[in-house]
Amino acid sequence: STAAKAKAVVRNGMVPLICVGEVMKGE
């Protein structure tokens, strides 16, 4: 769903700011 919304943002000439990150601390 995040990817689909990012596509819509780009389609409308805006910049997607995508939050990414792992759930648990590890290596």
mmCIF file of all heavy atoms, coordinates in Angstrom:
data_MODEL
# 
_entry.id   MODEL 
# 
loop_
_atom_site.group_PDB 
_atom_site.id 
_atom_site.type_symbol 
_atom_site.label_atom_id 
_atom_site.label_alt_id 
_atom_site.label_comp_id 
_atom_site.label_asym_id 
_atom_site.label_entity_id 
_atom_site.label_seq_id 
_atom_site.pdbx_PDB_ins_code 
_atom_site.Cartn_x 
_atom_site.Cartn_y 
_atom_site.Cartn_z 
_atom_site.occupancy 
_atom_site.B_iso_or_equiv 
_atom_site.pdbx_formal_charge 
_atom_site.auth_seq_id 
_atom_site.auth_comp_id 
_atom_site.auth_asym_id 
_atom_site.auth_atom_id 
_atom_site.pdbx_PDB_model_num 
ATOM 1   N N   . SER A 1 1  ? 0.837  -1.208 0.000   1.00 0.00 ? 1  SER A N   1 
ATOM 2   C CA  . SER A 1 1  ? 0.000  0.000  0.000   1.00 0.00 ? 1  SER A CA  1 
ATOM 3   C C   . SER A 1 1  ? 0.869  1.255  0.000   1.00 0.00 ? 1  SER A C   1 
ATOM 4   O O   . SER A 1 1  ? 0.536  2.251  -0.647  1.00 0.00 ? 1  SER A O   1 
ATOM 5   C CB  . SER A 1 1  ? -0.946 -0.005 1.201   1.00 0.00 ? 1  SER A CB  1 
ATOM 6   O OG  . SER A 1 1  ? -0.244 0.056  2.430   1.00 0.00 ? 1  SER A OG  1 
ATOM 7   N N   . THR A 1 2  ? 1.984  1.205  0.703   1.00 0.00 ? 2  THR A N   1 
ATOM 8   C CA  . THR A 1 2  ? 2.902  2.345  0.713   1.00 0.00 ? 2  THR A CA  1 
ATOM 9   C C   . THR A 1 2  ? 3.449  2.603  -0.682  1.00 0.00 ? 2  THR A C   1 
ATOM 10  O O   . THR A 1 2  ? 3.537  3.751  -1.135  1.00 0.00 ? 2  THR A O   1 
ATOM 11  C CB  . THR A 1 2  ? 4.057  2.090  1.695   1.00 0.00 ? 2  THR A CB  1 
ATOM 12  O OG1 . THR A 1 2  ? 3.524  1.938  3.019   1.00 0.00 ? 2  THR A OG1 1 
ATOM 13  C CG2 . THR A 1 2  ? 5.055  3.236  1.684   1.00 0.00 ? 2  THR A CG2 1 
ATOM 14  N N   . ALA A 1 3  ? 3.807  1.528  -1.389  1.00 0.00 ? 3  ALA A N   1 
ATOM 15  C CA  . ALA A 1 3  ? 4.327  1.670  -2.751  1.00 0.00 ? 3  ALA A CA  1 
ATOM 16  C C   . ALA A 1 3  ? 3.270  2.261  -3.683  1.00 0.00 ? 3  ALA A C   1 
ATOM 17  O O   . ALA A 1 3  ? 3.579  3.121  -4.520  1.00 0.00 ? 3  ALA A O   1 
ATOM 18  C CB  . ALA A 1 3  ? 4.788  0.307  -3.271  1.00 0.00 ? 3  ALA A CB  1 
ATOM 19  N N   . ALA A 1 4  ? 2.029  1.828  -3.554  1.00 0.00 ? 4  ALA A N   1 
ATOM 20  C CA  . ALA A 1 4  ? 0.959  2.342  -4.407  1.00 0.00 ? 4  ALA A CA  1 
ATOM 21  C C   . ALA A 1 4  ? 0.722  3.828  -4.147  1.00 0.00 ? 4  ALA A C   1 
ATOM 22  O O   . ALA A 1 4  ? 0.474  4.612  -5.082  1.00 0.00 ? 4  ALA A O   1 
ATOM 23  C CB  . ALA A 1 4  ? -0.325 1.551  -4.167  1.00 0.00 ? 4  ALA A CB  1 
ATOM 24  N N   . LYS A 1 5  ? 0.807  4.234  -2.890  1.00 0.00 ? 5  LYS A N   1 
ATOM 25  C CA  . LYS A 1 5  ? 0.629  5.650  -2.555  1.00 0.00 ? 5  LYS A CA  1 
ATOM 26  C C   . LYS A 1 5  ? 1.819  6.472  -3.041  1.00 0.00 ? 5  LYS A C   1 
ATOM 27  O O   . LYS A 1 5  ? 1.653  7.615  -3.498  1.00 0.00 ? 5  LYS A O   1 
ATOM 28  C CB  . LYS A 1 5  ? 0.427  5.803  -1.045  1.00 0.00 ? 5  LYS A CB  1 
ATOM 29  C CG  . LYS A 1 5  ? -0.886 5.198  -0.568  1.00 0.00 ? 5  LYS A CG  1 
ATOM 30  C CD  . LYS A 1 5  ? -0.952 5.136  0.948   1.00 0.00 ? 5  LYS A CD  1 
ATOM 31  C CE  . LYS A 1 5  ? -2.217 4.404  1.393   1.00 0.00 ? 5  LYS A CE  1 
ATOM 32  N NZ  . LYS A 1 5  ? -2.292 4.285  2.866   1.00 0.00 ? 5  LYS A NZ  1 
ATOM 33  N N   . ALA A 1 6  ? 3.016  5.897  -2.947  1.00 0.00 ? 6  ALA A N   1 
ATOM 34  C CA  . ALA A 1 6  ? 4.197  6.594  -3.458  1.00 0.00 ? 6  ALA A CA  1 
ATOM 35  C C   . ALA A 1 6  ? 4.067  6.846  -4.953  1.00 0.00 ? 6  ALA A C   1 
ATOM 36  O O   . ALA A 1 6  ? 4.442  7.910  -5.457  1.00 0.00 ? 6  ALA A O   1 
ATOM 37  C CB  . ALA A 1 6  ? 5.453  5.778  -3.155  1.00 0.00 ? 6  ALA A CB  1 
ATOM 38  N N   . LYS A 1 7  ? 3.545  5.873  -5.661  1.00 0.00 ? 7  LYS A N   1 
ATOM 39  C CA  . LYS A 1 7  ? 3.325  6.026  -7.101  1.00 0.00 ? 7  LYS A CA  1 
ATOM 40  C C   . LYS A 1 7  ? 2.358  7.177  -7.369  1.00 0.00 ? 7  LYS A C   1 
ATOM 41  O O   . LYS A 1 7  ? 2.552  7.969  -8.317  1.00 0.00 ? 7  LYS A O   1 
ATOM 42  C CB  . LYS A 1 7  ? 2.784  4.719  -7.682  1.00 0.00 ? 7  LYS A CB  1 
ATOM 43  C CG  . LYS A 1 7  ? 2.618  4.736  -9.191  1.00 0.00 ? 7  LYS A CG  1 
ATOM 44  C CD  . LYS A 1 7  ? 2.183  3.366  -9.690  1.00 0.00 ? 7  LYS A CD  1 
ATOM 45  C CE  . LYS A 1 7  ? 2.047  3.356  -11.216 1.00 0.00 ? 7  LYS A CE  1 
ATOM 46  N NZ  . LYS A 1 7  ? 1.634  2.011  -11.708 1.00 0.00 ? 7  LYS A NZ  1 
ATOM 47  N N   . ALA A 1 8  ? 1.320  7.301  -6.543  1.00 0.00 ? 8  ALA A N   1 
ATOM 48  C CA  . ALA A 1 8  ? 0.351  8.387  -6.703  1.00 0.00 ? 8  ALA A CA  1 
ATOM 49  C C   . ALA A 1 8  ? 0.986  9.740  -6.417  1.00 0.00 ? 8  ALA A C   1 
ATOM 50  O O   . ALA A 1 8  ? 0.701  10.735 -7.085  1.00 0.00 ? 8  ALA A O   1 
ATOM 51  C CB  . ALA A 1 8  ? -0.843 8.155  -5.780  1.00 0.00 ? 8  ALA A CB  1 
ATOM 52  N N   . VAL A 1 9  ? 1.857  9.788  -5.430  1.00 0.00 ? 9  VAL A N   1 
ATOM 53  C CA  . VAL A 1 9  ? 2.559  11.030 -5.087  1.00 0.00 ? 9  VAL A CA  1 
ATOM 54  C C   . VAL A 1 9  ? 3.424  11.487 -6.254  1.00 0.00 ? 9  VAL A C   1 
ATOM 55  O O   . VAL A 1 9  ? 3.400  12.654 -6.668  1.00 0.00 ? 9  VAL A O   1 
ATOM 56  C CB  . VAL A 1 9  ? 3.414  10.827 -3.816  1.00 0.00 ? 9  VAL A CB  1 
ATOM 57  C CG1 . VAL A 1 9  ? 4.378  11.993 -3.610  1.00 0.00 ? 9  VAL A CG1 1 
ATOM 58  C CG2 . VAL A 1 9  ? 2.520  10.670 -2.590  1.00 0.00 ? 9  VAL A CG2 1 
ATOM 59  N N   . VAL A 1 10 ? 4.192  10.565 -6.815  1.00 0.00 ? 10 VAL A N   1 
ATOM 60  C CA  . VAL A 1 10 ? 5.049  10.889 -7.957  1.00 0.00 ? 10 VAL A CA  1 
ATOM 61  C C   . VAL A 1 10 ? 4.213  11.289 -9.160  1.00 0.00 ? 10 VAL A C   1 
ATOM 62  O O   . VAL A 1 10 ? 4.548  12.243 -9.881  1.00 0.00 ? 10 VAL A O   1 
ATOM 63  C CB  . VAL A 1 10 ? 5.957  9.683  -8.284  1.00 0.00 ? 10 VAL A CB  1 
ATOM 64  C CG1 . VAL A 1 10 ? 6.678  9.888  -9.612  1.00 0.00 ? 10 VAL A CG1 1 
ATOM 65  C CG2 . VAL A 1 10 ? 6.947  9.448  -7.159  1.00 0.00 ? 10 VAL A CG2 1 
ATOM 66  N N   . ARG A 1 11 ? 3.129  10.590 -9.382  1.00 0.00 ? 11 ARG A N   1 
ATOM 67  C CA  . ARG A 1 11 ? 2.241  10.904 -10.511 1.00 0.00 ? 11 ARG A CA  1 
ATOM 68  C C   . ARG A 1 11 ? 1.735  12.340 -10.441 1.00 0.00 ? 11 ARG A C   1 
ATOM 69  O O   . ARG A 1 11 ? 1.504  12.996 -11.473 1.00 0.00 ? 11 ARG A O   1 
ATOM 70  C CB  . ARG A 1 11 ? 1.061  9.930  -10.498 1.00 0.00 ? 11 ARG A CB  1 
ATOM 71  C CG  . ARG A 1 11 ? 0.062  10.117 -11.626 1.00 0.00 ? 11 ARG A CG  1 
ATOM 72  C CD  . ARG A 1 11 ? -1.011 9.054  -11.605 1.00 0.00 ? 11 ARG A CD  1 
ATOM 73  N NE  . ARG A 1 11 ? -1.916 9.190  -10.464 1.00 0.00 ? 11 ARG A NE  1 
ATOM 74  C CZ  . ARG A 1 11 ? -2.093 8.241  -9.538  1.00 0.00 ? 11 ARG A CZ  1 
ATOM 75  N NH1 . ARG A 1 11 ? -1.430 7.106  -9.603  1.00 0.00 ? 11 ARG A NH1 1 
ATOM 76  N NH2 . ARG A 1 11 ? -2.935 8.433  -8.538  1.00 0.00 ? 11 ARG A NH2 1 
ATOM 77  N N   . ASN A 1 12 ? 1.613  12.860 -9.239  1.00 0.00 ? 12 ASN A N   1 
ATOM 78  C CA  . ASN A 1 12 ? 1.112  14.212 -9.041  1.00 0.00 ? 12 ASN A CA  1 
ATOM 79  C C   . ASN A 1 12 ? 2.216  15.249 -8.833  1.00 0.00 ? 12 ASN A C   1 
ATOM 80  O O   . ASN A 1 12 ? 1.949  16.373 -8.408  1.00 0.00 ? 12 ASN A O   1 
ATOM 81  C CB  . ASN A 1 12 ? 0.136  14.232 -7.861  1.00 0.00 ? 12 ASN A CB  1 
ATOM 82  C CG  . ASN A 1 12 ? -1.228 13.673 -8.226  1.00 0.00 ? 12 ASN A CG  1 
ATOM 83  O OD1 . ASN A 1 12 ? -2.024 14.353 -8.856  1.00 0.00 ? 12 ASN A OD1 1 
ATOM 84  N ND2 . ASN A 1 12 ? -1.482 12.428 -7.852  1.00 0.00 ? 12 ASN A ND2 1 
ATOM 85  N N   . GLY A 1 13 ? 3.449  14.860 -9.141  1.00 0.00 ? 13 GLY A N   1 
ATOM 86  C CA  . GLY A 1 13 ? 4.526  15.833 -9.139  1.00 0.00 ? 13 GLY A CA  1 
ATOM 87  C C   . GLY A 1 13 ? 5.063  16.212 -7.778  1.00 0.00 ? 13 GLY A C   1 
ATOM 88  O O   . GLY A 1 13 ? 5.668  17.281 -7.621  1.00 0.00 ? 13 GLY A O   1 
ATOM 89  N N   . MET A 1 14 ? 4.877  15.335 -6.794  1.00 0.00 ? 14 MET A N   1 
ATOM 90  C CA  . MET A 1 14 ? 5.410  15.585 -5.453  1.00 0.00 ? 14 MET A CA  1 
ATOM 91  C C   . MET A 1 14 ? 6.480  14.549 -5.133  1.00 0.00 ? 14 MET A C   1 
ATOM 92  O O   . MET A 1 14 ? 6.665  13.573 -5.865  1.00 0.00 ? 14 MET A O   1 
ATOM 93  C CB  . MET A 1 14 ? 4.287  15.543 -4.415  1.00 0.00 ? 14 MET A CB  1 
ATOM 94  C CG  . MET A 1 14 ? 3.211  16.600 -4.618  1.00 0.00 ? 14 MET A CG  1 
ATOM 95  S SD  . MET A 1 14 ? 1.821  16.472 -3.452  1.00 0.00 ? 14 MET A SD  1 
ATOM 96  C CE  . MET A 1 14 ? 1.004  14.973 -4.047  1.00 0.00 ? 14 MET A CE  1 
ATOM 97  N N   . VAL A 1 15 ? 7.188  14.765 -4.039  1.00 0.00 ? 15 VAL A N   1 
ATOM 98  C CA  . VAL A 1 15 ? 8.261  13.863 -3.642  1.00 0.00 ? 15 VAL A CA  1 
ATOM 99  C C   . VAL A 1 15 ? 7.765  12.939 -2.522  1.00 0.00 ? 15 VAL A C   1 
ATOM 100 O O   . VAL A 1 15 ? 7.282  13.424 -1.496  1.00 0.00 ? 15 VAL A O   1 
ATOM 101 C CB  . VAL A 1 15 ? 9.493  14.646 -3.139  1.00 0.00 ? 15 VAL A CB  1 
ATOM 102 C CG1 . VAL A 1 15 ? 10.574 13.689 -2.643  1.00 0.00 ? 15 VAL A CG1 1 
ATOM 103 C CG2 . VAL A 1 15 ? 10.042 15.537 -4.234  1.00 0.00 ? 15 VAL A CG2 1 
ATOM 104 N N   . PRO A 1 16 ? 7.884  11.629 -2.688  1.00 0.00 ? 16 PRO A N   1 
ATOM 105 C CA  . PRO A 1 16 ? 7.522  10.727 -1.592  1.00 0.00 ? 16 PRO A CA  1 
ATOM 106 C C   . PRO A 1 16 ? 8.642  10.632 -0.564  1.00 0.00 ? 16 PRO A C   1 
ATOM 107 O O   . PRO A 1 16 ? 9.806  10.445 -0.929  1.00 0.00 ? 16 PRO A O   1 
ATOM 108 C CB  . PRO A 1 16 ? 7.306  9.380  -2.301  1.00 0.00 ? 16 PRO A CB  1 
ATOM 109 C CG  . PRO A 1 16 ? 8.164  9.456  -3.525  1.00 0.00 ? 16 PRO A CG  1 
ATOM 110 C CD  . PRO A 1 16 ? 8.234  10.900 -3.920  1.00 0.00 ? 16 PRO A CD  1 
ATOM 111 N N   . LEU A 1 17 ? 8.285  10.802 0.680   1.00 0.00 ? 17 LEU A N   1 
ATOM 112 C CA  . LEU A 1 17 ? 9.200  10.628 1.812   1.00 0.00 ? 17 LEU A CA  1 
ATOM 113 C C   . LEU A 1 17 ? 8.820  9.311  2.466   1.00 0.00 ? 17 LEU A C   1 
ATOM 114 O O   . LEU A 1 17 ? 7.803  9.219  3.160   1.00 0.00 ? 17 LEU A O   1 
ATOM 115 C CB  . LEU A 1 17 ? 9.068  11.785 2.793   1.00 0.00 ? 17 LEU A CB  1 
ATOM 116 C CG  . LEU A 1 17 ? 9.777  11.670 4.138   1.00 0.00 ? 17 LEU A CG  1 
ATOM 117 C CD1 . LEU A 1 17 ? 11.290 11.663 3.958   1.00 0.00 ? 17 LEU A CD1 1 
ATOM 118 C CD2 . LEU A 1 17 ? 9.366  12.791 5.068   1.00 0.00 ? 17 LEU A CD2 1 
ATOM 119 N N   . ILE A 1 18 ? 9.588  8.274  2.207   1.00 0.00 ? 18 ILE A N   1 
ATOM 120 C CA  . ILE A 1 18 ? 9.215  6.921  2.604   1.00 0.00 ? 18 ILE A CA  1 
ATOM 121 C C   . ILE A 1 18 ? 9.930  6.526  3.893   1.00 0.00 ? 18 ILE A C   1 
ATOM 122 O O   . ILE A 1 18 ? 11.161 6.489  3.948   1.00 0.00 ? 18 ILE A O   1 
ATOM 123 C CB  . ILE A 1 18 ? 9.567  5.903  1.498   1.00 0.00 ? 18 ILE A CB  1 
ATOM 124 C CG1 . ILE A 1 18 ? 9.026  6.367  0.142   1.00 0.00 ? 18 ILE A CG1 1 
ATOM 125 C CG2 . ILE A 1 18 ? 9.036  4.528  1.870   1.00 0.00 ? 18 ILE A CG2 1 
ATOM 126 C CD1 . ILE A 1 18 ? 7.533  6.524  0.087   1.00 0.00 ? 18 ILE A CD1 1 
ATOM 127 N N   . CYS A 1 19 ? 9.139  6.223  4.911   1.00 0.00 ? 19 CYS A N   1 
ATOM 128 C CA  . CYS A 1 19 ? 9.706  5.781  6.181   1.00 0.00 ? 19 CYS A CA  1 
ATOM 129 C C   . CYS A 1 19 ? 9.993  4.283  6.094   1.00 0.00 ? 19 CYS A C   1 
ATOM 130 O O   . CYS A 1 19 ? 9.113  3.492  5.756   1.00 0.00 ? 19 CYS A O   1 
ATOM 131 C CB  . CYS A 1 19 ? 8.744  6.060  7.326   1.00 0.00 ? 19 CYS A CB  1 
ATOM 132 S SG  . CYS A 1 19 ? 8.366  7.818  7.534   1.00 0.00 ? 19 CYS A SG  1 
ATOM 133 N N   . VAL A 1 20 ? 11.220 3.920  6.394   1.00 0.00 ? 20 VAL A N   1 
ATOM 134 C CA  . VAL A 1 20 ? 11.627 2.516  6.372   1.00 0.00 ? 20 VAL A CA  1 
ATOM 135 C C   . VAL A 1 20 ? 12.392 2.212  7.647   1.00 0.00 ? 20 VAL A C   1 
ATOM 136 O O   . VAL A 1 20 ? 13.027 3.089  8.228   1.00 0.00 ? 20 VAL A O   1 
ATOM 137 C CB  . VAL A 1 20 ? 12.507 2.190  5.141   1.00 0.00 ? 20 VAL A CB  1 
ATOM 138 C CG1 . VAL A 1 20 ? 11.735 2.409  3.844   1.00 0.00 ? 20 VAL A CG1 1 
ATOM 139 C CG2 . VAL A 1 20 ? 13.784 3.036  5.127   1.00 0.00 ? 20 VAL A CG2 1 
ATOM 140 N N   . GLY A 1 21 ? 12.336 0.962  8.082   1.00 0.00 ? 21 GLY A N   1 
ATOM 141 C CA  . GLY A 1 21 ? 13.091 0.607  9.277   1.00 0.00 ? 21 GLY A CA  1 
ATOM 142 C C   . GLY A 1 21 ? 12.716 -0.758 9.793   1.00 0.00 ? 21 GLY A C   1 
ATOM 143 O O   . GLY A 1 21 ? 11.588 -1.226 9.609   1.00 0.00 ? 21 GLY A O   1 
ATOM 144 N N   . GLU A 1 22 ? 13.677 -1.389 10.447  1.00 0.00 ? 22 GLU A N   1 
ATOM 145 C CA  . GLU A 1 22 ? 13.455 -2.712 11.006  1.00 0.00 ? 22 GLU A CA  1 
ATOM 146 C C   . GLU A 1 22 ? 12.713 -2.607 12.337  1.00 0.00 ? 22 GLU A C   1 
ATOM 147 O O   . GLU A 1 22 ? 12.843 -1.619 13.060  1.00 0.00 ? 22 GLU A O   1 
ATOM 148 C CB  . GLU A 1 22 ? 14.789 -3.446 11.196  1.00 0.00 ? 22 GLU A CB  1 
ATOM 149 C CG  . GLU A 1 22 ? 15.665 -2.950 12.326  1.00 0.00 ? 22 GLU A CG  1 
ATOM 150 C CD  . GLU A 1 22 ? 16.428 -1.666 12.020  1.00 0.00 ? 22 GLU A CD  1 
ATOM 151 O OE1 . GLU A 1 22 ? 16.192 -1.069 10.947  1.00 0.00 ? 22 GLU A OE1 1 
ATOM 152 O OE2 . GLU A 1 22 ? 17.251 -1.256 12.864  1.00 0.00 ? 22 GLU A OE2 1 
ATOM 153 N N   . VAL A 1 23 ? 11.923 -3.643 12.644  1.00 0.00 ? 23 VAL A N   1 
ATOM 154 C CA  . VAL A 1 23 ? 11.095 -3.626 13.849  1.00 0.00 ? 23 VAL A CA  1 
ATOM 155 C C   . VAL A 1 23 ? 11.933 -3.887 15.097  1.00 0.00 ? 23 VAL A C   1 
ATOM 156 O O   . VAL A 1 23 ? 11.806 -3.182 16.105  1.00 0.00 ? 23 VAL A O   1 
ATOM 157 C CB  . VAL A 1 23 ? 9.959  -4.667 13.740  1.00 0.00 ? 23 VAL A CB  1 
ATOM 158 C CG1 . VAL A 1 23 ? 9.179  -4.739 15.053  1.00 0.00 ? 23 VAL A CG1 1 
ATOM 159 C CG2 . VAL A 1 23 ? 9.034  -4.315 12.576  1.00 0.00 ? 23 VAL A CG2 1 
ATOM 160 N N   . MET A 1 24 ? 12.789 -4.883 15.037  1.00 0.00 ? 24 MET A N   1 
ATOM 161 C CA  . MET A 1 24 ? 13.580 -5.279 16.204  1.00 0.00 ? 24 MET A CA  1 
ATOM 162 C C   . MET A 1 24 ? 15.053 -4.946 15.979  1.00 0.00 ? 24 MET A C   1 
ATOM 163 O O   . MET A 1 24 ? 15.562 -5.054 14.863  1.00 0.00 ? 24 MET A O   1 
ATOM 164 C CB  . MET A 1 24 ? 13.436 -6.779 16.466  1.00 0.00 ? 24 MET A CB  1 
ATOM 165 C CG  . MET A 1 24 ? 12.005 -7.231 16.690  1.00 0.00 ? 24 MET A CG  1 
ATOM 166 S SD  . MET A 1 24 ? 11.275 -6.541 18.189  1.00 0.00 ? 24 MET A SD  1 
ATOM 167 C CE  . MET A 1 24 ? 12.281 -7.376 19.444  1.00 0.00 ? 24 MET A CE  1 
ATOM 168 N N   . LYS A 1 25 ? 15.725 -4.574 17.047  1.00 0.00 ? 25 LYS A N   1 
ATOM 169 C CA  . LYS A 1 25 ? 17.154 -4.305 16.947  1.00 0.00 ? 25 LYS A CA  1 
ATOM 170 C C   . LYS A 1 25 ? 17.907 -5.616 16.780  1.00 0.00 ? 25 LYS A C   1 
ATOM 171 O O   . LYS A 1 25 ? 17.637 -6.600 17.461  1.00 0.00 ? 25 LYS A O   1 
ATOM 172 C CB  . LYS A 1 25 ? 17.653 -3.589 18.200  1.00 0.00 ? 25 LYS A CB  1 
ATOM 173 C CG  . LYS A 1 25 ? 19.124 -3.199 18.130  1.00 0.00 ? 25 LYS A CG  1 
ATOM 174 C CD  . LYS A 1 25 ? 19.554 -2.436 19.364  1.00 0.00 ? 25 LYS A CD  1 
ATOM 175 C CE  . LYS A 1 25 ? 21.021 -2.020 19.268  1.00 0.00 ? 25 LYS A CE  1 
ATOM 176 N NZ  . LYS A 1 25 ? 21.465 -1.275 20.468  1.00 0.00 ? 25 LYS A NZ  1 
ATOM 177 N N   . GLY A 1 26 ? 18.840 -5.623 15.844  1.00 0.00 ? 26 GLY A N   1 
ATOM 178 C CA  . GLY A 1 26 ? 19.636 -6.827 15.610  1.00 0.00 ? 26 GLY A CA  1 
ATOM 179 C C   . GLY A 1 26 ? 20.973 -6.445 15.029  1.00 0.00 ? 26 GLY A C   1 
ATOM 180 O O   . GLY A 1 26 ? 21.555 -5.426 15.400  1.00 0.00 ? 26 GLY A O   1 
ATOM 181 N N   . GLU A 1 27 ? 21.444 -7.235 14.081  1.00 0.00 ? 27 GLU A N   1 
ATOM 182 C CA  . GLU A 1 27 ? 22.695 -6.933 13.407  1.00 0.00 ? 27 GLU A CA  1 
ATOM 183 C C   . GLU A 1 27 ? 22.438 -6.030 12.202  1.00 0.00 ? 27 GLU A C   1 
ATOM 184 O O   . GLU A 1 27 ? 21.338 -6.006 11.649  1.00 0.00 ? 27 GLU A O   1 
ATOM 185 C CB  . GLU A 1 27 ? 23.364 -8.233 12.941  1.00 0.00 ? 27 GLU A CB  1 
ATOM 186 C CG  . GLU A 1 27 ? 23.715 -9.189 14.064  1.00 0.00 ? 27 GLU A CG  1 
ATOM 187 C CD  . GLU A 1 27 ? 24.725 -8.598 15.029  1.00 0.00 ? 27 GLU A CD  1 
ATOM 188 O OE1 . GLU A 1 27 ? 25.619 -7.842 14.567  1.00 0.00 ? 27 GLU A OE1 1 
ATOM 189 O OE2 . GLU A 1 27 ? 24.628 -8.877 16.236  1.00 0.00 ? 27 GLU A OE2 1 
# 
